[in-house]
Protein backbone atom coordinates (compact mmCIF):
# COMPACT_ATOMS: atom_id res chain seq x y z
CA UNK A 1 0.00 0.00 0.00
CA UNK A 2 1.32 3.44 -0.96
CA UNK A 3 0.28 6.16 1.48
CA UNK A 4 2.17 8.90 -0.39
CA UNK A 5 0.66 8.52 -3.85
CA UNK A 6 0.37 12.27 -4.38
CA UNK A 7 4.13 12.83 -4.05
CA UNK A 8 4.30 12.07 -7.77
CA UNK A 9 2.29 15.08 -8.97
CA UNK A 10 -0.49 14.08 -11.29
CA UNK A 11 -0.25 15.70 -14.68
CA UNK A 12 -3.25 17.80 -15.59
CA UNK A 13 -4.53 18.19 -12.01
CA UNK A 14 -4.79 21.35 -9.95
CA UNK A 15 -3.03 21.71 -6.62
CA UNK A 16 -6.40 21.26 -4.92
CA UNK A 17 -6.91 17.86 -6.55
CA UNK A 18 -3.34 16.75 -5.83
CA UNK A 19 -3.76 17.72 -2.19
CA UNK A 20 -7.07 15.85 -2.09
CA UNK A 21 -5.43 12.67 -3.35
CA UNK A 22 -2.68 12.98 -0.76
CA UNK A 23 -5.17 13.51 2.07
CA UNK A 24 -8.02 11.15 1.16
CA UNK A 25 -6.64 8.35 -1.04
CA UNK A 26 -4.28 5.42 -0.82
CA UNK A 27 -2.97 3.18 -3.57
CA UNK A 28 -3.02 -0.62 -3.42
CA UNK A 29 -1.37 -3.19 -5.65
CA UNK A 30 -3.35 -4.42 -8.66
CA UNK A 31 -2.71 -7.07 -11.28
CA UNK A 32 -0.94 -5.51 -14.30
CA UNK A 33 -3.18 -5.48 -17.38
CA UNK A 34 -0.12 -5.62 -19.62
CA UNK A 35 0.09 -9.36 -18.98
CA UNK A 36 -3.23 -9.80 -20.81
CA UNK A 37 -2.08 -8.05 -23.99
CA UNK A 38 -1.51 -11.14 -26.11
CA UNK A 39 -4.81 -12.75 -25.12
CA UNK A 40 -6.69 -9.52 -25.82
CA UNK A 41 -5.01 -9.17 -29.21
CA UNK A 42 -6.16 -12.70 -30.07
CA UNK A 43 -9.72 -11.63 -29.20
CA UNK A 44 -9.43 -8.90 -31.82
CA UNK A 45 -8.95 -5.94 -29.50
CA UNK A 46 -6.79 -3.29 -31.24
CA UNK A 47 -3.34 -2.68 -29.79
CA UNK A 48 -4.03 1.03 -29.34
CA UNK A 49 -7.04 0.24 -27.14
CA UNK A 50 -4.94 -2.05 -24.99
CA UNK A 51 -2.38 0.76 -24.75
CA UNK A 52 -5.08 3.04 -23.35
CA UNK A 53 -5.96 0.54 -20.63
CA UNK A 54 -2.32 -0.02 -19.70
CA UNK A 55 -1.60 3.73 -19.59
CA UNK A 56 -4.64 4.39 -17.40
CA UNK A 57 -3.65 1.64 -14.99
CA UNK A 58 -0.07 2.89 -14.74
CA UNK A 59 -1.29 6.33 -13.75
CA UNK A 60 -4.39 5.55 -11.70
CA UNK A 61 -4.62 1.80 -11.07
CA UNK A 62 -5.14 0.82 -7.44
CA UNK A 63 -6.18 4.28 -6.24
CA UNK A 64 -8.76 3.79 -3.46
CA UNK A 65 -11.25 6.66 -3.42
CA UNK A 66 -13.59 8.19 -0.83
CA UNK A 67 -17.30 8.27 -1.75
CA UNK A 68 -18.55 10.63 -4.45
CA UNK A 69 -21.64 12.75 -3.64
CA UNK A 70 -23.73 11.09 -6.40
CA UNK A 71 -24.02 7.77 -8.23
CA UNK A 72 -24.02 5.97 -4.87
CA UNK A 73 -20.47 6.99 -4.24
CA UNK A 74 -18.78 6.32 -7.58
CA UNK A 75 -16.07 3.68 -8.05
CA UNK A 76 -14.52 2.33 -4.86
CA UNK A 77 -11.10 2.04 -6.43
CA UNK A 78 -9.60 2.44 -9.89
CA UNK A 79 -8.63 -0.58 -11.94
CA UNK A 80 -9.34 -0.75 -15.69
CA UNK A 81 -10.58 -3.90 -17.38
CA UNK A 82 -10.81 -5.41 -20.87
CA UNK A 83 -11.91 -2.93 -23.58
CA UNK A 84 -15.37 -3.47 -25.08
CA UNK A 85 -16.80 -2.17 -28.34
CA UNK A 86 -20.26 -0.79 -29.03
CA UNK A 87 -21.06 -0.90 -32.75
CA UNK A 88 -19.29 1.81 -34.70
CA UNK A 89 -19.14 4.18 -31.73
CA UNK A 90 -15.74 3.03 -30.51
CA UNK A 91 -14.20 1.32 -27.50
CA UNK A 92 -14.79 1.73 -23.77
CA UNK A 93 -13.14 0.23 -20.71
CA UNK A 94 -14.20 0.14 -17.07
CA UNK A 95 -12.47 2.69 -14.84
CA UNK A 96 -13.06 0.72 -11.64
CA UNK A 97 -15.52 -1.29 -9.57
CA UNK A 98 -18.82 0.11 -8.33
CA UNK A 99 -18.93 0.84 -4.61
CA UNK A 100 -22.38 -0.75 -4.36
CA UNK A 101 -25.08 -2.15 -6.63
CA UNK A 102 -25.99 0.47 -9.27
CA UNK A 103 -27.52 -0.02 -12.77
CA UNK A 104 -24.51 1.37 -14.63
CA UNK A 105 -20.76 1.02 -14.94
CA UNK A 106 -18.10 3.71 -14.60
CA UNK A 107 -16.30 3.80 -17.94
CA UNK A 108 -13.64 5.62 -19.93
CA UNK A 109 -15.03 6.49 -23.35
CA UNK A 110 -13.53 6.43 -26.85
CA UNK A 111 -12.20 9.97 -26.50
CA UNK A 112 -10.97 9.62 -22.93
CA UNK A 113 -14.22 10.87 -21.36
CA UNK A 114 -15.32 9.62 -17.95
CA UNK A 115 -18.95 8.60 -17.70
CA UNK A 116 -21.73 6.12 -17.05
CA UNK A 117 -22.60 3.16 -19.26
CA UNK A 118 -25.87 1.26 -19.04
CA UNK A 119 -28.30 0.84 -21.94
CA UNK A 120 -26.72 4.07 -23.24
CA UNK A 121 -23.46 5.96 -22.77
CA UNK A 122 -23.38 9.28 -20.93
CA UNK A 123 -20.12 11.20 -20.67
CA UNK A 124 -19.97 13.11 -17.38
CA UNK A 125 -16.62 14.86 -17.92
CA UNK A 126 -14.35 15.42 -20.90
CA UNK A 127 -11.50 13.63 -19.14
CA UNK A 128 -10.95 11.41 -16.14
CA UNK A 129 -8.90 14.21 -14.62
CA UNK A 130 -12.00 16.41 -14.85
CA UNK A 131 -13.94 13.91 -12.76
CA UNK A 132 -11.15 13.81 -10.16
CA UNK A 133 -11.31 17.61 -10.02
CA UNK A 134 -15.07 17.34 -9.40
CA UNK A 135 -14.53 14.88 -6.56
CA UNK A 136 -11.86 17.08 -4.97
CA UNK A 137 -14.02 20.20 -5.35
CA UNK A 138 -17.01 18.47 -3.75
CA UNK A 139 -14.99 17.73 -0.61
CA UNK A 140 -13.45 21.20 -0.58
CA UNK A 141 -16.81 22.94 -0.97
CA UNK A 142 -18.50 20.76 1.67
CA UNK A 143 -15.74 21.60 4.14
CA UNK A 144 -16.04 25.38 3.77
CA UNK A 145 -19.73 25.96 2.95
CA UNK A 146 -22.01 27.39 5.64
CA UNK A 147 -25.03 25.70 4.07
CA UNK A 148 -25.53 22.85 1.54
CA UNK A 149 -28.88 22.60 -0.24
CA UNK A 150 -29.95 19.59 -2.29
CA UNK A 151 -32.33 20.07 -5.21
CA UNK A 152 -33.82 17.18 -7.21
CA UNK A 153 -36.00 16.42 -10.23
CA UNK A 154 -37.76 19.23 -12.07
CA UNK A 155 -36.69 21.75 -9.43
CA UNK A 156 -33.16 21.66 -10.82
CA UNK A 157 -34.43 23.59 -13.85
CA UNK A 158 -35.48 26.44 -11.57
CA UNK A 159 -31.93 27.10 -10.32
CA UNK A 160 -30.83 30.50 -11.64
CA UNK A 161 -27.22 30.56 -12.82
CA UNK A 162 -27.26 34.25 -13.78
CA UNK A 163 -23.93 35.71 -12.75
CA UNK A 164 -22.32 32.28 -12.39
CA UNK A 165 -19.33 31.08 -14.37
CA UNK A 166 -18.51 27.46 -15.26
CA UNK A 167 -15.75 25.88 -13.18
CA UNK A 168 -13.35 25.06 -15.97
CA UNK A 169 -11.09 22.51 -14.34
CA UNK A 170 -13.90 19.94 -13.97
CA UNK A 171 -14.37 19.90 -17.77
CA UNK A 172 -18.04 19.17 -17.35
CA UNK A 173 -20.34 17.57 -19.91
CA UNK A 174 -23.48 16.00 -18.42
CA UNK A 175 -22.29 17.07 -14.96
CA UNK A 176 -21.20 20.67 -14.41
CA UNK A 177 -20.01 23.03 -11.67
CA UNK A 178 -20.79 26.74 -11.50
CA UNK A 179 -19.14 29.46 -9.41
CA UNK A 180 -20.97 32.54 -8.14
CA UNK A 181 -20.11 35.41 -5.83
CA UNK A 182 -20.33 33.33 -2.65
CA UNK A 183 -21.58 29.91 -3.73
CA UNK A 184 -20.83 26.88 -5.88
CA UNK A 185 -23.47 24.84 -7.70
CA UNK A 186 -22.91 21.24 -8.80
CA UNK A 187 -25.46 19.92 -11.30
CA UNK A 188 -25.67 16.16 -11.87
CA UNK A 189 -27.48 15.08 -15.05
CA UNK A 190 -25.62 11.84 -15.66
CA UNK A 191 -27.99 9.30 -14.15
CA UNK A 192 -31.03 11.06 -15.60
CA UNK A 193 -29.55 10.87 -19.10
CA UNK A 194 -27.99 7.41 -18.86
CA UNK A 195 -31.14 5.77 -17.48
CA UNK A 196 -33.70 8.06 -19.19
CA UNK A 197 -34.88 9.02 -15.71
CA UNK A 198 -35.36 12.81 -15.45
CA UNK A 199 -36.47 12.44 -11.83
CA UNK A 200 -32.85 11.50 -11.04
CA UNK A 201 -31.53 14.97 -11.87
CA UNK A 202 -29.91 16.57 -8.84
CA UNK A 203 -27.96 19.61 -7.77
CA UNK A 204 -26.01 20.60 -4.68
CA UNK A 205 -25.71 24.28 -3.78
CA UNK A 206 -22.81 25.17 -1.49
CA UNK A 207 -23.55 28.60 0.04
CA UNK A 208 -21.69 31.05 2.26
CA UNK A 209 -18.26 30.51 0.72
CA UNK A 210 -15.41 33.00 0.99
CA UNK A 211 -12.73 33.37 -1.68
CA UNK A 212 -10.80 30.35 -0.40
CA UNK A 213 -13.93 28.25 -0.33
CA UNK A 214 -14.79 29.27 -3.89
CA UNK A 215 -11.37 28.57 -5.39
CA UNK A 216 -8.81 27.09 -3.04
CA UNK A 217 -5.47 27.09 -4.85
CA UNK A 218 -7.10 27.36 -8.29
CA UNK A 219 -7.23 30.64 -10.23
CA UNK A 220 -9.82 31.62 -12.83
CA UNK A 221 -7.91 29.87 -15.58
CA UNK A 222 -8.31 26.57 -13.70
C-alpha atoms as a PDB file:
ATOM      1  CA  UNK A   1       0.000   0.000   0.000  1.00  0.00           C
ATOM      2  CA  UNK A   2       1.321   3.436  -0.957  1.00  0.00           C
ATOM      3  CA  UNK A   3       0.279   6.165   1.476  1.00  0.00           C
ATOM      4  CA  UNK A   4       2.173   8.895  -0.387  1.00  0.00           C
ATOM      5  CA  UNK A   5       0.663   8.520  -3.847  1.00  0.00           C
ATOM      6  CA  UNK A   6       0.372  12.268  -4.378  1.00  0.00           C
ATOM      7  CA  UNK A   7       4.126  12.826  -4.051  1.00  0.00           C
ATOM      8  CA  UNK A   8       4.295  12.072  -7.767  1.00  0.00           C
ATOM      9  CA  UNK A   9       2.295  15.082  -8.970  1.00  0.00           C
ATOM     10  CA  UNK A  10      -0.493  14.075 -11.289  1.00  0.00           C
ATOM     11  CA  UNK A  11      -0.253  15.696 -14.677  1.00  0.00           C
ATOM     12  CA  UNK A  12      -3.250  17.796 -15.585  1.00  0.00           C
ATOM     13  CA  UNK A  13      -4.527  18.186 -12.009  1.00  0.00           C
ATOM     14  CA  UNK A  14      -4.791  21.349  -9.955  1.00  0.00           C
ATOM     15  CA  UNK A  15      -3.026  21.711  -6.622  1.00  0.00           C
ATOM     16  CA  UNK A  16      -6.403  21.258  -4.921  1.00  0.00           C
ATOM     17  CA  UNK A  17      -6.906  17.857  -6.553  1.00  0.00           C
ATOM     18  CA  UNK A  18      -3.341  16.747  -5.826  1.00  0.00           C
ATOM     19  CA  UNK A  19      -3.759  17.719  -2.186  1.00  0.00           C
ATOM     20  CA  UNK A  20      -7.068  15.850  -2.085  1.00  0.00           C
ATOM     21  CA  UNK A  21      -5.429  12.666  -3.347  1.00  0.00           C
ATOM     22  CA  UNK A  22      -2.677  12.984  -0.761  1.00  0.00           C
ATOM     23  CA  UNK A  23      -5.168  13.508   2.074  1.00  0.00           C
ATOM     24  CA  UNK A  24      -8.016  11.151   1.163  1.00  0.00           C
ATOM     25  CA  UNK A  25      -6.644   8.355  -1.039  1.00  0.00           C
ATOM     26  CA  UNK A  26      -4.280   5.425  -0.824  1.00  0.00           C
ATOM     27  CA  UNK A  27      -2.971   3.178  -3.574  1.00  0.00           C
ATOM     28  CA  UNK A  28      -3.018  -0.618  -3.421  1.00  0.00           C
ATOM     29  CA  UNK A  29      -1.366  -3.189  -5.649  1.00  0.00           C
ATOM     30  CA  UNK A  30      -3.348  -4.419  -8.657  1.00  0.00           C
ATOM     31  CA  UNK A  31      -2.706  -7.073 -11.278  1.00  0.00           C
ATOM     32  CA  UNK A  32      -0.937  -5.511 -14.303  1.00  0.00           C
ATOM     33  CA  UNK A  33      -3.178  -5.480 -17.381  1.00  0.00           C
ATOM     34  CA  UNK A  34      -0.120  -5.616 -19.622  1.00  0.00           C
ATOM     35  CA  UNK A  35       0.089  -9.360 -18.981  1.00  0.00           C
ATOM     36  CA  UNK A  36      -3.233  -9.804 -20.815  1.00  0.00           C
ATOM     37  CA  UNK A  37      -2.079  -8.049 -23.989  1.00  0.00           C
ATOM     38  CA  UNK A  38      -1.515 -11.140 -26.108  1.00  0.00           C
ATOM     39  CA  UNK A  39      -4.814 -12.751 -25.125  1.00  0.00           C
ATOM     40  CA  UNK A  40      -6.695  -9.521 -25.821  1.00  0.00           C
ATOM     41  CA  UNK A  41      -5.010  -9.170 -29.210  1.00  0.00           C
ATOM     42  CA  UNK A  42      -6.162 -12.696 -30.070  1.00  0.00           C
ATOM     43  CA  UNK A  43      -9.724 -11.634 -29.196  1.00  0.00           C
ATOM     44  CA  UNK A  44      -9.430  -8.902 -31.818  1.00  0.00           C
ATOM     45  CA  UNK A  45      -8.950  -5.938 -29.504  1.00  0.00           C
ATOM     46  CA  UNK A  46      -6.792  -3.294 -31.239  1.00  0.00           C
ATOM     47  CA  UNK A  47      -3.335  -2.682 -29.788  1.00  0.00           C
ATOM     48  CA  UNK A  48      -4.028   1.029 -29.345  1.00  0.00           C
ATOM     49  CA  UNK A  49      -7.042   0.242 -27.140  1.00  0.00           C
ATOM     50  CA  UNK A  50      -4.937  -2.052 -24.986  1.00  0.00           C
ATOM     51  CA  UNK A  51      -2.376   0.762 -24.752  1.00  0.00           C
ATOM     52  CA  UNK A  52      -5.081   3.040 -23.352  1.00  0.00           C
ATOM     53  CA  UNK A  53      -5.962   0.542 -20.632  1.00  0.00           C
ATOM     54  CA  UNK A  54      -2.316  -0.020 -19.703  1.00  0.00           C
ATOM     55  CA  UNK A  55      -1.595   3.726 -19.593  1.00  0.00           C
ATOM     56  CA  UNK A  56      -4.639   4.392 -17.399  1.00  0.00           C
ATOM     57  CA  UNK A  57      -3.654   1.637 -14.990  1.00  0.00           C
ATOM     58  CA  UNK A  58      -0.072   2.890 -14.737  1.00  0.00           C
ATOM     59  CA  UNK A  59      -1.292   6.334 -13.753  1.00  0.00           C
ATOM     60  CA  UNK A  60      -4.390   5.545 -11.700  1.00  0.00           C
ATOM     61  CA  UNK A  61      -4.619   1.800 -11.072  1.00  0.00           C
ATOM     62  CA  UNK A  62      -5.139   0.817  -7.437  1.00  0.00           C
ATOM     63  CA  UNK A  63      -6.180   4.276  -6.240  1.00  0.00           C
ATOM     64  CA  UNK A  64      -8.758   3.793  -3.463  1.00  0.00           C
ATOM     65  CA  UNK A  65     -11.253   6.663  -3.421  1.00  0.00           C
ATOM     66  CA  UNK A  66     -13.585   8.188  -0.832  1.00  0.00           C
ATOM     67  CA  UNK A  67     -17.298   8.269  -1.747  1.00  0.00           C
ATOM     68  CA  UNK A  68     -18.551  10.629  -4.454  1.00  0.00           C
ATOM     69  CA  UNK A  69     -21.645  12.746  -3.643  1.00  0.00           C
ATOM     70  CA  UNK A  70     -23.729  11.088  -6.405  1.00  0.00           C
ATOM     71  CA  UNK A  71     -24.022   7.766  -8.229  1.00  0.00           C
ATOM     72  CA  UNK A  72     -24.017   5.966  -4.874  1.00  0.00           C
ATOM     73  CA  UNK A  73     -20.472   6.991  -4.241  1.00  0.00           C
ATOM     74  CA  UNK A  74     -18.775   6.324  -7.582  1.00  0.00           C
ATOM     75  CA  UNK A  75     -16.071   3.679  -8.054  1.00  0.00           C
ATOM     76  CA  UNK A  76     -14.525   2.330  -4.856  1.00  0.00           C
ATOM     77  CA  UNK A  77     -11.097   2.036  -6.433  1.00  0.00           C
ATOM     78  CA  UNK A  78      -9.602   2.436  -9.888  1.00  0.00           C
ATOM     79  CA  UNK A  79      -8.625  -0.582 -11.938  1.00  0.00           C
ATOM     80  CA  UNK A  80      -9.345  -0.751 -15.688  1.00  0.00           C
ATOM     81  CA  UNK A  81     -10.576  -3.901 -17.384  1.00  0.00           C
ATOM     82  CA  UNK A  82     -10.812  -5.410 -20.868  1.00  0.00           C
ATOM     83  CA  UNK A  83     -11.914  -2.935 -23.579  1.00  0.00           C
ATOM     84  CA  UNK A  84     -15.373  -3.473 -25.085  1.00  0.00           C
ATOM     85  CA  UNK A  85     -16.799  -2.166 -28.341  1.00  0.00           C
ATOM     86  CA  UNK A  86     -20.260  -0.788 -29.033  1.00  0.00           C
ATOM     87  CA  UNK A  87     -21.061  -0.902 -32.747  1.00  0.00           C
ATOM     88  CA  UNK A  88     -19.288   1.813 -34.701  1.00  0.00           C
ATOM     89  CA  UNK A  89     -19.142   4.183 -31.733  1.00  0.00           C
ATOM     90  CA  UNK A  90     -15.737   3.033 -30.509  1.00  0.00           C
ATOM     91  CA  UNK A  91     -14.199   1.316 -27.500  1.00  0.00           C
ATOM     92  CA  UNK A  92     -14.786   1.726 -23.771  1.00  0.00           C
ATOM     93  CA  UNK A  93     -13.140   0.230 -20.712  1.00  0.00           C
ATOM     94  CA  UNK A  94     -14.196   0.138 -17.070  1.00  0.00           C
ATOM     95  CA  UNK A  95     -12.474   2.694 -14.840  1.00  0.00           C
ATOM     96  CA  UNK A  96     -13.058   0.724 -11.637  1.00  0.00           C
ATOM     97  CA  UNK A  97     -15.521  -1.292  -9.574  1.00  0.00           C
ATOM     98  CA  UNK A  98     -18.824   0.113  -8.326  1.00  0.00           C
ATOM     99  CA  UNK A  99     -18.928   0.839  -4.615  1.00  0.00           C
ATOM    100  CA  UNK A 100     -22.380  -0.748  -4.356  1.00  0.00           C
ATOM    101  CA  UNK A 101     -25.079  -2.147  -6.633  1.00  0.00           C
ATOM    102  CA  UNK A 102     -25.988   0.472  -9.267  1.00  0.00           C
ATOM    103  CA  UNK A 103     -27.521  -0.021 -12.766  1.00  0.00           C
ATOM    104  CA  UNK A 104     -24.513   1.373 -14.627  1.00  0.00           C
ATOM    105  CA  UNK A 105     -20.759   1.021 -14.943  1.00  0.00           C
ATOM    106  CA  UNK A 106     -18.103   3.706 -14.605  1.00  0.00           C
ATOM    107  CA  UNK A 107     -16.304   3.804 -17.940  1.00  0.00           C
ATOM    108  CA  UNK A 108     -13.637   5.619 -19.931  1.00  0.00           C
ATOM    109  CA  UNK A 109     -15.034   6.488 -23.355  1.00  0.00           C
ATOM    110  CA  UNK A 110     -13.534   6.432 -26.852  1.00  0.00           C
ATOM    111  CA  UNK A 111     -12.203   9.974 -26.495  1.00  0.00           C
ATOM    112  CA  UNK A 112     -10.971   9.625 -22.927  1.00  0.00           C
ATOM    113  CA  UNK A 113     -14.222  10.867 -21.361  1.00  0.00           C
ATOM    114  CA  UNK A 114     -15.316   9.621 -17.951  1.00  0.00           C
ATOM    115  CA  UNK A 115     -18.946   8.605 -17.704  1.00  0.00           C
ATOM    116  CA  UNK A 116     -21.727   6.120 -17.053  1.00  0.00           C
ATOM    117  CA  UNK A 117     -22.597   3.160 -19.265  1.00  0.00           C
ATOM    118  CA  UNK A 118     -25.867   1.263 -19.042  1.00  0.00           C
ATOM    119  CA  UNK A 119     -28.302   0.839 -21.945  1.00  0.00           C
ATOM    120  CA  UNK A 120     -26.720   4.068 -23.237  1.00  0.00           C
ATOM    121  CA  UNK A 121     -23.459   5.962 -22.767  1.00  0.00           C
ATOM    122  CA  UNK A 122     -23.384   9.282 -20.928  1.00  0.00           C
ATOM    123  CA  UNK A 123     -20.118  11.201 -20.672  1.00  0.00           C
ATOM    124  CA  UNK A 124     -19.970  13.106 -17.383  1.00  0.00           C
ATOM    125  CA  UNK A 125     -16.624  14.856 -17.916  1.00  0.00           C
ATOM    126  CA  UNK A 126     -14.353  15.424 -20.902  1.00  0.00           C
ATOM    127  CA  UNK A 127     -11.496  13.631 -19.139  1.00  0.00           C
ATOM    128  CA  UNK A 128     -10.952  11.408 -16.139  1.00  0.00           C
ATOM    129  CA  UNK A 129      -8.902  14.211 -14.616  1.00  0.00           C
ATOM    130  CA  UNK A 130     -11.998  16.413 -14.846  1.00  0.00           C
ATOM    131  CA  UNK A 131     -13.935  13.915 -12.764  1.00  0.00           C
ATOM    132  CA  UNK A 132     -11.149  13.812 -10.162  1.00  0.00           C
ATOM    133  CA  UNK A 133     -11.312  17.606 -10.018  1.00  0.00           C
ATOM    134  CA  UNK A 134     -15.067  17.343  -9.400  1.00  0.00           C
ATOM    135  CA  UNK A 135     -14.530  14.876  -6.563  1.00  0.00           C
ATOM    136  CA  UNK A 136     -11.863  17.081  -4.972  1.00  0.00           C
ATOM    137  CA  UNK A 137     -14.022  20.195  -5.352  1.00  0.00           C
ATOM    138  CA  UNK A 138     -17.015  18.467  -3.747  1.00  0.00           C
ATOM    139  CA  UNK A 139     -14.991  17.726  -0.614  1.00  0.00           C
ATOM    140  CA  UNK A 140     -13.447  21.196  -0.582  1.00  0.00           C
ATOM    141  CA  UNK A 141     -16.811  22.943  -0.968  1.00  0.00           C
ATOM    142  CA  UNK A 142     -18.503  20.765   1.671  1.00  0.00           C
ATOM    143  CA  UNK A 143     -15.738  21.598   4.145  1.00  0.00           C
ATOM    144  CA  UNK A 144     -16.044  25.380   3.769  1.00  0.00           C
ATOM    145  CA  UNK A 145     -19.731  25.961   2.951  1.00  0.00           C
ATOM    146  CA  UNK A 146     -22.015  27.388   5.639  1.00  0.00           C
ATOM    147  CA  UNK A 147     -25.034  25.696   4.070  1.00  0.00           C
ATOM    148  CA  UNK A 148     -25.526  22.854   1.544  1.00  0.00           C
ATOM    149  CA  UNK A 149     -28.876  22.603  -0.244  1.00  0.00           C
ATOM    150  CA  UNK A 150     -29.947  19.589  -2.289  1.00  0.00           C
ATOM    151  CA  UNK A 151     -32.334  20.071  -5.205  1.00  0.00           C
ATOM    152  CA  UNK A 152     -33.822  17.183  -7.213  1.00  0.00           C
ATOM    153  CA  UNK A 153     -35.996  16.417 -10.230  1.00  0.00           C
ATOM    154  CA  UNK A 154     -37.757  19.235 -12.075  1.00  0.00           C
ATOM    155  CA  UNK A 155     -36.691  21.748  -9.427  1.00  0.00           C
ATOM    156  CA  UNK A 156     -33.159  21.655 -10.825  1.00  0.00           C
ATOM    157  CA  UNK A 157     -34.425  23.592 -13.852  1.00  0.00           C
ATOM    158  CA  UNK A 158     -35.479  26.442 -11.573  1.00  0.00           C
ATOM    159  CA  UNK A 159     -31.934  27.097 -10.321  1.00  0.00           C
ATOM    160  CA  UNK A 160     -30.832  30.496 -11.640  1.00  0.00           C
ATOM    161  CA  UNK A 161     -27.224  30.561 -12.818  1.00  0.00           C
ATOM    162  CA  UNK A 162     -27.262  34.245 -13.779  1.00  0.00           C
ATOM    163  CA  UNK A 163     -23.933  35.714 -12.750  1.00  0.00           C
ATOM    164  CA  UNK A 164     -22.325  32.284 -12.387  1.00  0.00           C
ATOM    165  CA  UNK A 165     -19.326  31.080 -14.374  1.00  0.00           C
ATOM    166  CA  UNK A 166     -18.511  27.457 -15.263  1.00  0.00           C
ATOM    167  CA  UNK A 167     -15.752  25.876 -13.184  1.00  0.00           C
ATOM    168  CA  UNK A 168     -13.347  25.061 -15.974  1.00  0.00           C
ATOM    169  CA  UNK A 169     -11.094  22.506 -14.342  1.00  0.00           C
ATOM    170  CA  UNK A 170     -13.901  19.939 -13.975  1.00  0.00           C
ATOM    171  CA  UNK A 171     -14.369  19.899 -17.772  1.00  0.00           C
ATOM    172  CA  UNK A 172     -18.035  19.174 -17.347  1.00  0.00           C
ATOM    173  CA  UNK A 173     -20.341  17.571 -19.911  1.00  0.00           C
ATOM    174  CA  UNK A 174     -23.481  15.999 -18.417  1.00  0.00           C
ATOM    175  CA  UNK A 175     -22.288  17.069 -14.964  1.00  0.00           C
ATOM    176  CA  UNK A 176     -21.197  20.672 -14.409  1.00  0.00           C
ATOM    177  CA  UNK A 177     -20.011  23.025 -11.670  1.00  0.00           C
ATOM    178  CA  UNK A 178     -20.788  26.742 -11.496  1.00  0.00           C
ATOM    179  CA  UNK A 179     -19.136  29.463  -9.413  1.00  0.00           C
ATOM    180  CA  UNK A 180     -20.973  32.545  -8.144  1.00  0.00           C
ATOM    181  CA  UNK A 181     -20.108  35.412  -5.834  1.00  0.00           C
ATOM    182  CA  UNK A 182     -20.332  33.325  -2.650  1.00  0.00           C
ATOM    183  CA  UNK A 183     -21.577  29.913  -3.726  1.00  0.00           C
ATOM    184  CA  UNK A 184     -20.833  26.884  -5.884  1.00  0.00           C
ATOM    185  CA  UNK A 185     -23.470  24.842  -7.695  1.00  0.00           C
ATOM    186  CA  UNK A 186     -22.906  21.237  -8.804  1.00  0.00           C
ATOM    187  CA  UNK A 187     -25.464  19.917 -11.301  1.00  0.00           C
ATOM    188  CA  UNK A 188     -25.668  16.162 -11.870  1.00  0.00           C
ATOM    189  CA  UNK A 189     -27.484  15.084 -15.050  1.00  0.00           C
ATOM    190  CA  UNK A 190     -25.616  11.837 -15.661  1.00  0.00           C
ATOM    191  CA  UNK A 191     -27.994   9.300 -14.145  1.00  0.00           C
ATOM    192  CA  UNK A 192     -31.034  11.065 -15.604  1.00  0.00           C
ATOM    193  CA  UNK A 193     -29.548  10.868 -19.103  1.00  0.00           C
ATOM    194  CA  UNK A 194     -27.987   7.407 -18.863  1.00  0.00           C
ATOM    195  CA  UNK A 195     -31.141   5.775 -17.485  1.00  0.00           C
ATOM    196  CA  UNK A 196     -33.700   8.056 -19.191  1.00  0.00           C
ATOM    197  CA  UNK A 197     -34.883   9.016 -15.711  1.00  0.00           C
ATOM    198  CA  UNK A 198     -35.364  12.812 -15.447  1.00  0.00           C
ATOM    199  CA  UNK A 199     -36.465  12.438 -11.832  1.00  0.00           C
ATOM    200  CA  UNK A 200     -32.855  11.503 -11.039  1.00  0.00           C
ATOM    201  CA  UNK A 201     -31.527  14.965 -11.869  1.00  0.00           C
ATOM    202  CA  UNK A 202     -29.907  16.570  -8.845  1.00  0.00           C
ATOM    203  CA  UNK A 203     -27.957  19.608  -7.774  1.00  0.00           C
ATOM    204  CA  UNK A 204     -26.013  20.597  -4.683  1.00  0.00           C
ATOM    205  CA  UNK A 205     -25.711  24.283  -3.779  1.00  0.00           C
ATOM    206  CA  UNK A 206     -22.805  25.174  -1.486  1.00  0.00           C
ATOM    207  CA  UNK A 207     -23.550  28.597   0.044  1.00  0.00           C
ATOM    208  CA  UNK A 208     -21.692  31.047   2.264  1.00  0.00           C
ATOM    209  CA  UNK A 209     -18.255  30.510   0.718  1.00  0.00           C
ATOM    210  CA  UNK A 210     -15.406  33.003   0.994  1.00  0.00           C
ATOM    211  CA  UNK A 211     -12.727  33.372  -1.680  1.00  0.00           C
ATOM    212  CA  UNK A 212     -10.802  30.352  -0.404  1.00  0.00           C
ATOM    213  CA  UNK A 213     -13.931  28.249  -0.331  1.00  0.00           C
ATOM    214  CA  UNK A 214     -14.790  29.274  -3.889  1.00  0.00           C
ATOM    215  CA  UNK A 215     -11.374  28.569  -5.388  1.00  0.00           C
ATOM    216  CA  UNK A 216      -8.808  27.086  -3.041  1.00  0.00           C
ATOM    217  CA  UNK A 217      -5.473  27.085  -4.847  1.00  0.00           C
ATOM    218  CA  UNK A 218      -7.100  27.356  -8.289  1.00  0.00           C
ATOM    219  CA  UNK A 219      -7.232  30.636 -10.229  1.00  0.00           C
ATOM    220  CA  UNK A 220      -9.817  31.624 -12.826  1.00  0.00           C
ATOM    221  CA  UNK A 221      -7.910  29.868 -15.580  1.00  0.00           C
ATOM    222  CA  UNK A 222      -8.312  26.572 -13.698  1.00  0.00           C
END
